[in-house]
């Protein structure tokens, strides 16, 4: 298939691009600039453009059967007024412009797999949440609501829309695992706050395989939790990382006040989290390659050690 990707050079996008290219799909990645030293897999090309702005890149969208919309500024930063605006606008404007471009696909089948996040549910404590759970009212939840509303507008031109609500993606080249491994090197892979908050996560291979699954299952639409069926508590995640790396933990935890001084309002996401499950994927009998955190981290950390 011909697939158009925004955010294809990012941490999650790179993994998805590799998987799709290895399956023989033709891929166009929209990027503001070509990364230096980048070697593209066969069947992948770059298109220069800024997804937050209208441009000639939009004409290319109509030539593709599938759009995977992953673009958005990282939320792993201090949440001040300026950064909040960047987080919101990078997602909302990109999706709006993608949907405008999809209007050129009228009269033929088109598909939009648009990224979102499980942060849309807000802080839910120990409650297990699925795709039917209500949305939250904090900052990141409301950003996700706006983000998804923009994506769903594509249905008006007959496009199939799937809202991929990503959890924390554990991968080889970035994401939260990088930060946990670095902390562990200094014997500081420890809990945040009281450590009882839930962490919903997914191995990058499963995240990419779920995109393949969506290409093969056209009846899946609407919200989809892209997460492992086994969320864990923050304290358990820290313990598994330290154990897998063979590192002792020398500090009991990172107090909430220290996190707040470093990360501002983002601390709420670190200290509360969500206990999300992939109910739709389970209903469709999707087989997870890495359903448990121990085997997932063993695979990823072994890879890092062999290629370091």
Protein backbone atom coordinates (compact mmCIF):
# COMPACT_ATOMS: atom_id res chain seq x y z
CA UNK A 1 0.00 0.00 0.00
CA UNK A 2 0.98 3.65 -0.36
CA UNK A 3 1.28 5.14 3.11
CA UNK A 4 1.85 8.77 4.14
CA UNK A 5 3.34 9.36 7.60
CA UNK A 6 3.66 12.53 9.66
CA UNK A 7 6.12 12.19 12.53
CA UNK A 8 7.81 9.30 10.76
CA UNK A 9 11.33 10.29 11.84
CA UNK A 10 10.46 10.36 15.56
CA UNK A 11 10.98 7.61 18.10
CA UNK A 12 7.68 5.80 17.51
CA UNK A 13 7.46 6.77 13.85
CA UNK A 14 10.87 5.33 13.01
CA UNK A 15 9.91 1.94 14.43
CA UNK A 16 6.59 1.89 12.58
CA UNK A 17 8.28 3.00 9.34
CA UNK A 18 10.84 0.17 9.53
CA UNK A 19 8.15 -2.42 10.13
CA UNK A 20 5.95 -1.19 7.28
CA UNK A 21 8.90 -0.93 4.88
CA UNK A 22 10.00 -4.47 5.72
CA UNK A 23 6.50 -5.62 4.72
CA UNK A 24 6.88 -4.03 1.28
CA UNK A 25 4.73 -0.92 1.68
CA UNK A 26 5.63 2.32 -0.15
CA UNK A 27 6.05 5.10 2.41
CA UNK A 28 6.28 8.87 2.22
CA UNK A 29 7.51 10.61 5.38
CA UNK A 30 6.67 14.28 5.80
CA UNK A 31 9.55 16.04 7.53
CA UNK A 32 10.76 19.60 8.07
CA UNK A 33 14.33 18.54 7.29
CA UNK A 34 16.15 15.37 6.33
CA UNK A 35 18.09 14.00 9.33
CA UNK A 36 21.84 13.97 8.73
CA UNK A 37 23.32 10.56 7.97
CA UNK A 38 19.88 9.02 7.60
CA UNK A 39 19.75 5.88 5.46
CA UNK A 40 16.22 5.18 4.26
CA UNK A 41 14.89 1.65 3.97
CA UNK A 42 13.84 0.53 0.51
CA UNK A 43 10.48 1.95 -0.47
CA UNK A 44 10.70 5.01 1.81
CA UNK A 45 11.09 8.62 0.68
CA UNK A 46 11.13 12.00 2.38
CA UNK A 47 8.85 14.92 1.54
CA UNK A 48 9.86 18.31 2.91
CA UNK A 49 7.06 20.24 4.58
CA UNK A 50 5.73 21.60 7.86
CA UNK A 51 2.60 19.74 8.96
CA UNK A 52 1.53 22.60 11.25
CA UNK A 53 1.12 24.78 8.18
CA UNK A 54 -0.80 24.45 4.94
CA UNK A 55 1.44 23.73 1.97
CA UNK A 56 2.08 21.88 -1.24
CA UNK A 57 2.73 18.73 0.80
CA UNK A 58 -1.06 18.37 1.19
CA UNK A 59 -1.43 17.53 -2.50
CA UNK A 60 0.71 14.41 -1.97
CA UNK A 61 -1.65 13.04 0.67
CA UNK A 62 -4.38 12.29 -1.89
CA UNK A 63 -1.97 9.96 -3.73
CA UNK A 64 -1.82 7.63 -0.72
CA UNK A 65 -4.28 5.04 0.55
CA UNK A 66 -3.35 5.38 4.22
CA UNK A 67 -2.24 8.31 6.39
CA UNK A 68 -0.56 7.62 9.73
CA UNK A 69 -0.57 10.83 11.73
CA UNK A 70 2.05 10.70 14.50
CA UNK A 71 3.34 14.29 14.58
CA UNK A 72 3.32 16.21 17.83
CA UNK A 73 5.79 17.92 20.14
CA UNK A 74 7.08 15.79 23.02
CA UNK A 75 5.11 16.06 26.26
CA UNK A 76 8.19 15.04 28.26
CA UNK A 77 9.16 18.61 29.14
CA UNK A 78 8.37 21.20 31.76
CA UNK A 79 4.78 22.29 31.30
CA UNK A 80 4.76 26.08 31.27
CA UNK A 81 2.37 28.23 29.23
CA UNK A 82 4.65 28.31 26.17
CA UNK A 83 5.30 24.56 26.11
CA UNK A 84 1.63 23.79 26.64
CA UNK A 85 0.78 25.88 23.58
CA UNK A 86 3.41 24.02 21.52
CA UNK A 87 2.07 20.64 22.68
CA UNK A 88 -1.51 21.56 21.77
CA UNK A 89 -0.90 23.37 18.49
CA UNK A 90 1.55 20.82 17.07
CA UNK A 91 -1.15 18.15 17.38
CA UNK A 92 -4.30 20.06 16.55
CA UNK A 93 -2.94 22.01 13.58
CA UNK A 94 -1.16 19.03 12.03
CA UNK A 95 -4.29 16.89 12.23
CA UNK A 96 -6.47 19.68 10.83
CA UNK A 97 -4.19 20.07 7.82
CA UNK A 98 -4.02 16.32 7.26
CA UNK A 99 -7.81 16.12 7.26
CA UNK A 100 -8.02 19.03 4.82
CA UNK A 101 -5.67 17.11 2.53
CA UNK A 102 -7.76 13.94 2.84
CA UNK A 103 -10.70 15.81 1.36
CA UNK A 104 -8.91 15.30 -1.96
CA UNK A 105 -9.44 11.54 -1.59
CA UNK A 106 -13.22 11.74 -2.06
CA UNK A 107 -14.50 9.00 -4.31
CA UNK A 108 -11.99 6.37 -3.25
CA UNK A 109 -11.10 4.50 -0.08
CA UNK A 110 -8.81 6.26 2.36
CA UNK A 111 -7.73 5.52 5.91
CA UNK A 112 -6.43 7.70 8.74
CA UNK A 113 -4.67 6.21 11.74
CA UNK A 114 -4.25 9.24 14.00
CA UNK A 115 -2.17 9.18 17.16
CA UNK A 116 -3.65 10.16 20.49
CA UNK A 117 -2.80 9.05 24.01
CA UNK A 118 -4.28 7.28 27.00
CA UNK A 119 -3.86 10.58 28.82
CA UNK A 120 -7.27 11.36 27.34
CA UNK A 121 -8.83 9.49 30.28
CA UNK A 122 -7.31 11.81 32.88
CA UNK A 123 -6.30 10.53 36.32
CA UNK A 124 -8.32 7.43 37.18
CA UNK A 125 -6.54 5.98 40.20
CA UNK A 126 -6.84 2.19 40.38
CA UNK A 127 -9.84 2.05 38.03
CA UNK A 128 -9.29 -0.14 34.96
CA UNK A 129 -10.16 1.86 31.86
CA UNK A 130 -10.89 0.87 28.27
CA UNK A 131 -11.95 2.59 25.07
CA UNK A 132 -15.46 3.18 26.43
CA UNK A 133 -14.27 5.03 29.53
CA UNK A 134 -15.05 8.77 29.79
CA UNK A 135 -12.45 11.42 28.99
CA UNK A 136 -10.75 13.51 31.66
CA UNK A 137 -10.68 17.24 32.23
CA UNK A 138 -7.00 18.00 32.87
CA UNK A 139 -4.69 19.65 30.33
CA UNK A 140 -3.41 16.62 28.44
CA UNK A 141 -6.86 15.00 28.38
CA UNK A 142 -8.39 18.10 26.81
CA UNK A 143 -5.56 18.32 24.27
CA UNK A 144 -6.27 14.70 23.28
CA UNK A 145 -10.01 15.45 23.01
CA UNK A 146 -9.29 18.34 20.59
CA UNK A 147 -6.75 16.21 18.72
CA UNK A 148 -9.23 13.38 18.19
CA UNK A 149 -12.04 15.77 17.23
CA UNK A 150 -9.89 17.10 14.40
CA UNK A 151 -9.14 13.55 13.20
CA UNK A 152 -12.76 12.44 13.29
CA UNK A 153 -13.66 15.27 10.89
CA UNK A 154 -12.11 13.08 8.16
CA UNK A 155 -15.10 10.75 8.40
CA UNK A 156 -17.17 13.40 6.63
CA UNK A 157 -15.29 12.68 3.40
CA UNK A 158 -15.67 8.91 3.80
CA UNK A 159 -12.29 8.22 5.40
CA UNK A 160 -11.98 5.36 7.87
CA UNK A 161 -10.56 6.83 11.10
CA UNK A 162 -8.79 4.95 13.90
CA UNK A 163 -7.74 6.93 16.99
CA UNK A 164 -4.58 5.21 18.25
CA UNK A 165 -4.37 6.01 21.96
CA UNK A 166 -0.73 5.22 22.68
CA UNK A 167 0.52 4.34 26.14
CA UNK A 168 4.20 4.71 27.09
CA UNK A 169 6.17 3.03 24.30
CA UNK A 170 9.18 1.06 25.49
CA UNK A 171 11.76 0.96 22.71
CA UNK A 172 15.39 0.66 21.72
CA UNK A 173 16.04 4.17 20.49
CA UNK A 174 14.29 6.53 22.87
CA UNK A 175 11.21 7.03 25.01
CA UNK A 176 10.89 6.46 28.77
CA UNK A 177 13.17 3.40 28.78
CA UNK A 178 16.16 5.57 27.86
CA UNK A 179 15.57 7.72 30.92
CA UNK A 180 15.10 4.69 33.17
CA UNK A 181 18.29 3.02 31.92
CA UNK A 182 20.32 6.20 32.43
CA UNK A 183 18.96 6.53 35.95
CA UNK A 184 19.82 2.92 36.65
CA UNK A 185 23.45 3.47 35.65
CA UNK A 186 23.66 5.78 38.69
CA UNK A 187 21.64 3.38 40.87
CA UNK A 188 18.67 5.77 40.71
CA UNK A 189 16.04 3.73 38.85
CA UNK A 190 13.48 4.23 41.58
CA UNK A 191 9.84 5.04 42.16
CA UNK A 192 8.29 8.49 41.62
CA UNK A 193 6.31 9.78 44.56
CA UNK A 194 4.75 6.84 46.38
CA UNK A 195 5.24 4.60 43.33
CA UNK A 196 1.67 3.28 43.41
CA UNK A 197 0.53 5.02 40.21
CA UNK A 198 -0.22 2.77 37.26
CA UNK A 199 1.96 2.74 34.15
CA UNK A 200 0.39 1.58 30.91
CA UNK A 201 3.08 0.63 28.42
CA UNK A 202 3.74 -1.22 25.18
CA UNK A 203 6.81 -2.69 23.47
CA UNK A 204 7.68 -0.82 20.26
CA UNK A 205 7.37 -4.05 18.23
CA UNK A 206 3.78 -4.47 19.33
CA UNK A 207 3.04 -0.79 18.63
CA UNK A 208 4.25 -1.28 15.05
CA UNK A 209 2.54 -4.66 14.66
CA UNK A 210 -0.76 -3.11 15.74
CA UNK A 211 -0.50 -0.74 12.76
CA UNK A 212 -0.09 -3.78 10.52
CA UNK A 213 -3.09 -5.34 12.26
CA UNK A 214 -5.17 -2.24 11.45
CA UNK A 215 -4.20 -2.44 7.79
CA UNK A 216 -5.54 -5.98 7.70
CA UNK A 217 -8.73 -5.36 9.74
CA UNK A 218 -10.80 -2.68 8.04
CA UNK A 219 -13.71 -2.99 10.45
CA UNK A 220 -11.73 -1.49 13.35
CA UNK A 221 -12.63 2.18 13.75
CA UNK A 222 -12.73 4.85 16.44
CA UNK A 223 -10.63 4.83 19.62
CA UNK A 224 -8.11 2.03 20.16
CA UNK A 225 -5.88 1.67 23.22
CA UNK A 226 -2.39 0.85 21.96
CA UNK A 227 -1.15 -0.64 25.20
CA UNK A 228 -0.11 -3.94 26.73
CA UNK A 229 -2.84 -5.95 28.50
CA UNK A 230 -0.73 -5.85 31.68
CA UNK A 231 -0.22 -2.34 33.11
CA UNK A 232 2.04 -2.21 36.16
CA UNK A 233 2.70 0.11 39.06
CA UNK A 234 5.54 2.61 38.85
CA UNK A 235 7.46 0.97 41.68
CA UNK A 236 7.35 -2.40 39.87
CA UNK A 237 8.58 -0.87 36.62
CA UNK A 238 11.58 0.67 38.38
CA UNK A 239 12.36 -2.64 40.10
CA UNK A 240 12.23 -4.64 36.85
CA UNK A 241 14.57 -2.17 35.09
CA UNK A 242 17.08 -2.30 37.94
CA UNK A 243 16.89 -6.10 38.18
CA UNK A 244 17.27 -6.60 34.42
CA UNK A 245 20.34 -4.34 34.37
CA UNK A 246 21.74 -5.91 37.55
CA UNK A 247 21.85 -2.56 39.35
CA UNK A 248 21.12 -1.86 43.00
CA UNK A 249 18.87 1.09 43.81
CA UNK A 250 20.49 3.44 46.33
CA UNK A 251 17.69 5.96 46.88
CA UNK A 252 14.19 5.13 48.14
CA UNK A 253 12.32 7.32 45.66
CA UNK A 254 11.99 10.73 44.03
CA UNK A 255 9.73 12.97 46.15
CA UNK A 256 6.80 14.66 44.43
CA UNK A 257 8.12 18.12 45.36
CA UNK A 258 11.37 17.51 43.46
CA UNK A 259 9.48 16.29 40.40
CA UNK A 260 7.23 19.34 40.53
CA UNK A 261 10.20 21.70 40.68
CA UNK A 262 11.67 20.04 37.58
CA UNK A 263 8.60 19.31 35.46
CA UNK A 264 5.91 21.76 36.55
CA UNK A 265 2.34 20.66 35.78
CA UNK A 266 3.62 17.57 33.94
CA UNK A 267 4.23 16.09 37.40
CA UNK A 268 0.53 15.22 37.55
CA UNK A 269 1.02 12.78 34.67
CA UNK A 270 4.04 11.21 36.36
CA UNK A 271 2.34 10.75 39.72
CA UNK A 272 -1.13 9.58 38.64
CA UNK A 273 -1.13 7.75 35.30
CA UNK A 274 -3.78 5.39 33.95
CA UNK A 275 -4.55 1.69 34.27
CA UNK A 276 -5.57 1.27 30.64
CA UNK A 277 -6.28 -2.03 28.90
CA UNK A 278 -6.54 -2.72 25.13
CA UNK A 279 -10.09 -4.07 25.21
CA UNK A 280 -10.70 -3.69 21.47
CA UNK A 281 -7.49 -5.49 20.54
CA UNK A 282 -8.35 -8.30 22.95
CA UNK A 283 -11.84 -8.53 21.46
CA UNK A 284 -10.26 -8.90 18.00
CA UNK A 285 -7.89 -11.56 19.39
CA UNK A 286 -4.72 -9.58 18.65
CA UNK A 287 -1.72 -11.62 19.85
CA UNK A 288 0.80 -9.52 21.75
CA UNK A 289 4.44 -10.36 21.16
CA UNK A 290 5.38 -8.93 24.56
CA UNK A 291 2.38 -8.97 26.90
CA UNK A 292 4.47 -8.74 30.09
CA UNK A 293 6.95 -6.11 31.22
CA UNK A 294 9.71 -8.54 32.23
CA UNK A 295 10.09 -10.17 28.80
CA UNK A 296 9.67 -6.81 27.09
CA UNK A 297 12.49 -5.15 29.05
CA UNK A 298 14.73 -8.20 28.79
CA UNK A 299 14.44 -8.03 25.01
CA UNK A 300 15.03 -4.27 24.81
CA UNK A 301 17.85 -4.09 27.34
CA UNK A 302 19.62 -7.12 25.82
CA UNK A 303 19.47 -5.40 22.43
CA UNK A 304 20.93 -2.21 23.91
CA UNK A 305 23.77 -4.12 25.56
CA UNK A 306 24.60 -6.05 22.38
CA UNK A 307 24.69 -2.89 20.27
CA UNK A 308 26.39 -0.52 22.72
